[in-house]
Protein backbone atom coordinates (compact mmCIF):
# COMPACT_ATOMS: atom_id res chain seq x y z
CA MET A 1 113.75 103.93 80.60
CA ARG A 2 115.89 102.91 77.65
CA SER A 3 114.98 103.27 74.00
CA SER A 4 114.68 99.51 73.53
CA ASP A 5 112.44 98.97 76.58
CA LEU A 6 109.25 99.70 74.67
CA GLU A 7 110.05 97.11 72.03
CA TYR A 8 110.75 94.33 74.51
CA MET A 9 107.75 95.13 76.72
CA GLN A 10 105.47 95.03 73.71
CA ARG A 11 107.00 91.66 72.91
CA ALA A 12 106.21 90.46 76.43
CA ILE A 13 102.61 91.62 76.02
CA GLU A 14 102.37 89.79 72.70
CA VAL A 15 103.73 86.62 74.32
CA ALA A 16 101.12 86.90 77.09
CA ARG A 17 98.28 87.18 74.59
CA GLY A 18 99.05 83.72 73.29
CA ASN A 19 97.56 82.06 76.37
CA VAL A 20 94.78 84.45 77.32
CA GLY A 21 91.73 82.54 78.48
CA ARG A 22 93.64 79.40 79.47
CA THR A 23 95.38 80.41 82.71
CA ALA A 24 92.55 80.67 85.24
CA PRO A 25 92.61 81.28 88.14
CA ASN A 26 95.75 83.34 87.44
CA PRO A 27 96.06 86.12 84.86
CA CYS A 28 98.09 85.53 81.73
CA VAL A 29 101.53 87.14 82.20
CA GLY A 30 104.31 87.51 79.65
CA CYS A 31 108.05 87.58 80.38
CA VAL A 32 110.99 88.30 78.07
CA ILE A 33 114.63 87.98 79.20
CA VAL A 34 117.09 90.20 77.30
CA ARG A 35 120.85 90.77 77.55
CA ASP A 36 122.96 92.99 75.30
CA GLY A 37 120.15 93.23 72.76
CA ASP A 38 119.67 89.45 72.51
CA VAL A 39 116.44 87.77 73.61
CA LEU A 40 117.57 84.88 75.82
CA ALA A 41 114.12 83.48 76.58
CA GLU A 42 110.44 84.31 76.65
CA ALA A 43 107.40 82.64 78.20
CA CYS A 44 103.85 83.22 79.34
CA THR A 45 101.82 81.79 82.20
CA ALA A 46 101.08 78.11 81.57
CA GLU A 47 97.60 76.69 81.19
CA GLY A 48 95.93 76.42 84.58
CA GLY A 49 98.00 79.30 85.98
CA ARG A 50 101.22 77.42 86.83
CA PRO A 51 104.14 77.65 86.29
CA HIS A 52 104.39 81.42 86.19
CA ALA A 53 105.93 83.14 83.17
CA GLU A 54 109.16 84.15 84.94
CA GLU A 55 109.75 80.65 86.24
CA GLN A 56 109.51 79.18 82.74
CA ALA A 57 111.59 81.89 81.08
CA LEU A 58 114.45 81.45 83.56
CA GLU A 59 114.59 77.68 83.28
CA GLY A 60 117.92 76.58 81.83
CA VAL A 61 118.97 80.15 80.94
CA ASP A 62 122.06 82.05 82.06
CA ALA A 63 120.34 85.33 82.93
CA ARG A 64 123.21 86.99 84.82
CA GLY A 65 123.24 90.72 84.09
CA ALA A 66 120.08 90.48 81.95
CA THR A 67 116.92 92.56 81.96
CA ALA A 68 113.53 90.89 82.51
CA TYR A 69 110.45 92.48 80.94
CA VAL A 70 107.33 91.30 82.76
CA THR A 71 103.73 92.39 82.14
CA LEU A 72 102.78 91.96 85.82
CA GLU A 73 104.84 92.52 88.97
CA PRO A 74 106.69 89.30 89.91
CA CYS A 75 105.14 87.62 92.94
CA GLY A 76 106.85 88.21 96.29
CA ALA A 77 105.54 84.99 97.85
CA ARG A 78 103.74 81.88 96.67
CA SER A 79 100.44 80.68 98.07
CA ALA A 80 101.84 77.15 98.10
CA GLY A 81 104.99 78.29 99.90
CA GLY A 82 107.39 77.68 97.01
CA LEU A 83 110.09 79.96 95.66
CA SER A 84 108.56 83.21 94.42
CA CYS A 85 109.26 84.70 91.02
CA SER A 86 111.10 87.65 92.56
CA ASP A 87 113.36 85.21 94.42
CA ARG A 88 113.97 83.29 91.20
CA LEU A 89 114.94 86.48 89.35
CA VAL A 90 117.38 87.40 92.11
CA ALA A 91 118.87 83.90 92.19
CA ALA A 92 119.29 83.96 88.42
CA GLY A 93 121.38 87.14 88.63
CA VAL A 94 118.97 89.37 86.69
CA ALA A 95 120.21 92.95 86.99
CA ARG A 96 117.09 94.85 86.01
CA VAL A 97 113.35 94.18 85.90
CA VAL A 98 110.91 96.30 83.88
CA VAL A 99 107.29 95.80 84.95
CA ALA A 100 104.15 96.96 83.18
CA CYS A 101 101.54 96.62 85.97
CA GLU A 102 101.67 96.37 89.73
CA ASP A 103 100.08 93.23 91.16
CA ALA A 104 97.00 93.53 93.37
CA SER A 105 97.38 90.01 94.77
CA PRO A 106 98.04 89.67 98.52
CA TYR A 107 100.96 87.44 97.48
CA ALA A 108 102.58 90.37 95.67
CA SER A 109 101.03 93.79 96.39
CA GLY A 110 104.39 95.53 96.13
CA GLN A 111 106.28 92.73 97.84
CA GLY A 112 107.83 91.47 94.61
CA ALA A 113 109.29 94.85 93.68
CA GLU A 114 110.49 95.41 97.23
CA ARG A 115 112.29 92.07 97.34
CA LEU A 116 113.98 92.76 94.04
CA ARG A 117 115.14 96.21 95.10
CA ALA A 118 116.35 94.88 98.46
CA ALA A 119 118.56 92.45 96.55
CA GLY A 120 120.05 95.23 94.44
CA VAL A 121 117.95 94.64 91.31
CA ALA A 122 116.84 97.80 89.49
CA VAL A 123 113.04 97.87 89.13
CA GLU A 124 111.01 100.14 86.86
CA ILE A 125 107.21 100.01 86.82
CA GLY A 126 104.55 101.45 84.50
CA LEU A 127 105.78 100.88 80.95
CA CYS A 128 102.83 100.04 78.65
CA ALA A 129 100.61 99.53 81.72
CA ASP A 130 97.29 100.11 79.94
CA GLU A 131 98.20 97.87 77.03
CA ALA A 132 99.47 95.13 79.32
CA LEU A 133 96.38 95.26 81.51
CA ALA A 134 94.19 94.20 78.60
CA ALA A 135 96.18 90.97 78.33
CA LEU A 136 95.95 90.20 82.04
CA ARG A 137 92.63 88.44 81.69
CA TYR A 138 92.01 85.02 83.10
CA GLY A 139 89.24 82.46 82.82
CA GLU A 140 87.92 84.18 79.69
CA ARG A 141 87.83 83.29 76.03
CA PRO A 142 90.50 85.13 74.00
CA ASP A 143 87.81 86.63 71.78
CA LYS A 144 85.62 87.77 74.69
CA PRO A 145 86.00 91.48 75.54
CA VAL A 146 86.65 92.00 79.24
CA SER A 147 86.67 95.31 81.10
CA THR A 148 89.40 95.50 83.72
CA GLN A 149 88.85 99.16 84.51
CA PRO A 150 87.21 100.22 87.78
CA LEU A 151 83.56 101.18 87.70
CA SER A 152 82.72 104.80 87.09
CA ARG A 153 81.83 107.16 89.92
CA ALA A 154 78.21 107.31 88.72
CA ALA A 155 78.02 103.51 88.78
CA LEU A 156 79.38 103.41 92.34
CA ILE A 157 76.80 105.90 93.53
CA GLY A 158 74.03 103.97 91.77
CA ILE A 159 75.15 100.71 93.39
CA ALA A 160 75.14 102.31 96.82
CA ALA A 161 71.67 103.76 96.34
CA ALA A 162 70.18 100.55 94.93
CA VAL A 163 71.83 97.96 97.17
CA GLY A 164 72.52 99.62 100.51
CA PRO A 165 69.08 100.62 101.86
CA PRO A 166 67.05 97.48 101.01
CA ALA A 167 69.85 95.15 102.00
CA GLY A 168 70.35 96.99 105.28
CA GLY A 169 66.61 96.81 105.95
CA ALA A 170 66.53 93.09 105.19
CA LEU A 171 69.37 92.47 107.67
CA ILE A 172 67.59 94.48 110.35
CA PHE A 173 64.44 92.45 109.71
CA LEU A 174 66.30 89.16 110.08
CA VAL A 175 67.73 90.30 113.41
CA MET A 176 64.28 91.36 114.61
CA LEU A 177 62.80 88.10 113.39
CA VAL A 178 65.25 86.11 115.49
CA VAL A 179 64.86 88.34 118.57
CA SER A 180 61.06 88.39 118.41
CA GLY A 181 60.75 84.67 117.82
CA GLY A 182 59.11 85.12 114.43
CA ARG A 183 56.54 87.77 115.41
CA ALA A 184 58.29 90.48 113.37
CA PHE A 185 57.30 88.99 110.03
CA VAL A 186 54.32 91.32 109.71
CA PHE A 187 56.66 94.32 109.83
CA PHE A 188 58.87 93.17 106.93
CA PRO A 189 57.40 95.49 104.24
CA ILE A 190 57.50 98.47 106.61
CA ILE A 191 61.09 97.82 107.63
CA VAL A 192 62.37 97.39 104.08
CA PHE A 193 60.41 100.36 102.73
CA GLY A 194 61.45 102.54 105.65
CA SER A 195 65.10 101.58 105.32
CA TYR A 196 65.03 102.41 101.63
CA LEU A 197 63.24 105.71 102.17
CA PHE A 198 65.45 106.93 105.02
CA GLY A 199 68.62 105.14 103.96
CA LEU A 200 68.70 106.46 100.40
CA VAL A 201 70.42 109.75 101.21
CA PRO A 202 73.19 108.31 103.42
CA ALA A 203 73.72 105.49 100.93
CA LEU A 204 74.10 108.06 98.16
CA LEU A 205 76.51 110.08 100.28
CA SER A 206 78.52 106.98 101.17
CA GLY A 207 78.65 106.08 97.47
CA VAL A 208 80.07 109.51 96.68
CA LEU A 209 82.65 109.17 99.45
CA ILE A 210 83.67 105.67 98.41
CA SER A 211 84.08 106.76 94.79
CA LEU A 212 86.57 109.41 95.94
CA LEU A 213 88.67 107.09 98.10
CA PRO A 214 91.93 105.68 96.72
CA ARG A 215 91.74 101.91 96.37
CA PRO A 216 94.29 100.06 98.54
CA ARG A 217 96.14 97.15 96.99
CA ARG A 218 94.87 94.60 99.50
CA LEU A 219 91.26 93.45 99.13
CA THR A 220 90.70 93.22 102.89
CA MET A 221 91.78 96.80 103.44
CA HIS A 222 89.68 97.96 100.47
CA VAL A 223 86.55 96.26 101.84
CA ALA A 224 87.15 97.49 105.39
CA THR A 225 87.65 101.07 104.20
CA CYS A 226 84.46 101.07 102.12
CA VAL A 227 82.31 99.42 104.80
CA PHE A 228 83.58 101.68 107.57
CA SER A 229 83.25 104.90 105.55
CA GLY A 230 79.79 103.98 104.30
CA GLY A 231 78.55 103.06 107.78
CA LEU A 232 80.12 106.09 109.44
CA ILE A 233 78.67 108.68 107.10
CA ALA A 234 75.23 107.04 107.29
CA TRP A 235 75.41 106.96 111.10
CA ILE A 236 76.34 110.65 111.25
CA PHE A 237 73.45 111.44 108.92
CA GLY A 238 71.12 109.50 111.22
CA LEU A 239 72.30 111.46 114.26
CA VAL A 240 71.67 114.73 112.43
CA ILE A 241 68.11 113.95 111.34
CA ALA A 242 67.12 112.00 114.48
CA PRO A 243 69.54 112.79 117.32
CA ARG A 244 67.44 110.94 119.91
CA ASP A 245 66.58 107.89 117.87
CA LEU A 246 69.60 105.61 118.19
CA GLU A 247 67.79 102.72 116.52
CA ALA A 248 67.20 104.80 113.39
CA SER A 249 70.83 105.87 113.35
CA GLY A 250 71.91 102.24 113.69
CA LEU A 251 69.66 101.21 110.81
CA LEU A 252 71.06 103.94 108.60
CA ALA A 253 74.62 102.98 109.56
CA LEU A 254 73.91 99.39 108.53
CA CYS A 255 72.46 100.58 105.23
CA GLY A 256 75.57 102.63 104.56
CA ALA A 257 77.87 99.76 105.53
CA VAL A 258 76.09 97.37 103.18
CA ALA A 259 76.31 99.97 100.43
CA GLY A 260 80.05 100.23 101.11
CA LEU A 261 80.45 96.47 100.98
CA ALA A 262 78.67 96.27 97.63
CA CYS A 263 80.85 99.03 96.21
CA ALA A 264 84.00 97.39 97.55
CA LEU A 265 83.31 93.97 96.07
CA LEU A 266 82.24 95.35 92.71
CA THR A 267 85.23 97.65 92.27
CA LYS A 268 88.13 95.38 93.25
CA ARG A 269 88.56 94.00 89.74
CA TRP A 270 92.28 94.36 89.02
CA PRO A 271 93.84 91.10 87.90
CA SER A 272 96.07 89.38 90.44
CA ARG A 273 97.85 86.07 90.80
CA ALA A 274 99.07 83.68 93.47
């Protein structure tokens, strides 16, 4: 990092704050283009999320040999199939890109940085990441405080314990209701209560496990990891307490999987864009 990088990244963050709350469904990103100590251009994500900040900043500017300061990793592909921001930076001749935050979007997720590096552009990530993250809010009022940090470990465990067992029991009941042709309705309270009673421990254990797992960039992988780990640990628990009762183990596995799904969906809260 260079001594002037902090100044220009803070400027990019300030530029981004000007449109916070007006760029949904995309986060508000700031971009500053600098060469030889002169600011050539600056822009933030437009209202409605398009055009992106980099696209606007590069328009009509000779950016050859310049450094781009961006609060969020430039996209590596566009959902609409257009030219990505990383491609635009390469085409413009930008020599160096300083990024505050990595992008969790499936249209970036490291792809933007990889494309830039593959084209010979120097990429540095992490400068002012916490400060920039606060500006990457979308669909919110500028004066409305928004938490973009992941839920605490205690919250994850609480979600697993509260959501997993009853939801798993309800799903089992629906399956039984269909199979029995409606005759299982009388067993609904017993099924739900039993699933909560016997599914509480594996749901708690799955919540602990999920809270310790690193969160992948891609949402699909994050959900799959949480659901699989929650279901697996609950299934193993079921085999331990009732080795001959496969139905009970299956119920517990479903409770754990539902707990994992709830944790996954409630913890993937990093801003992303497309």
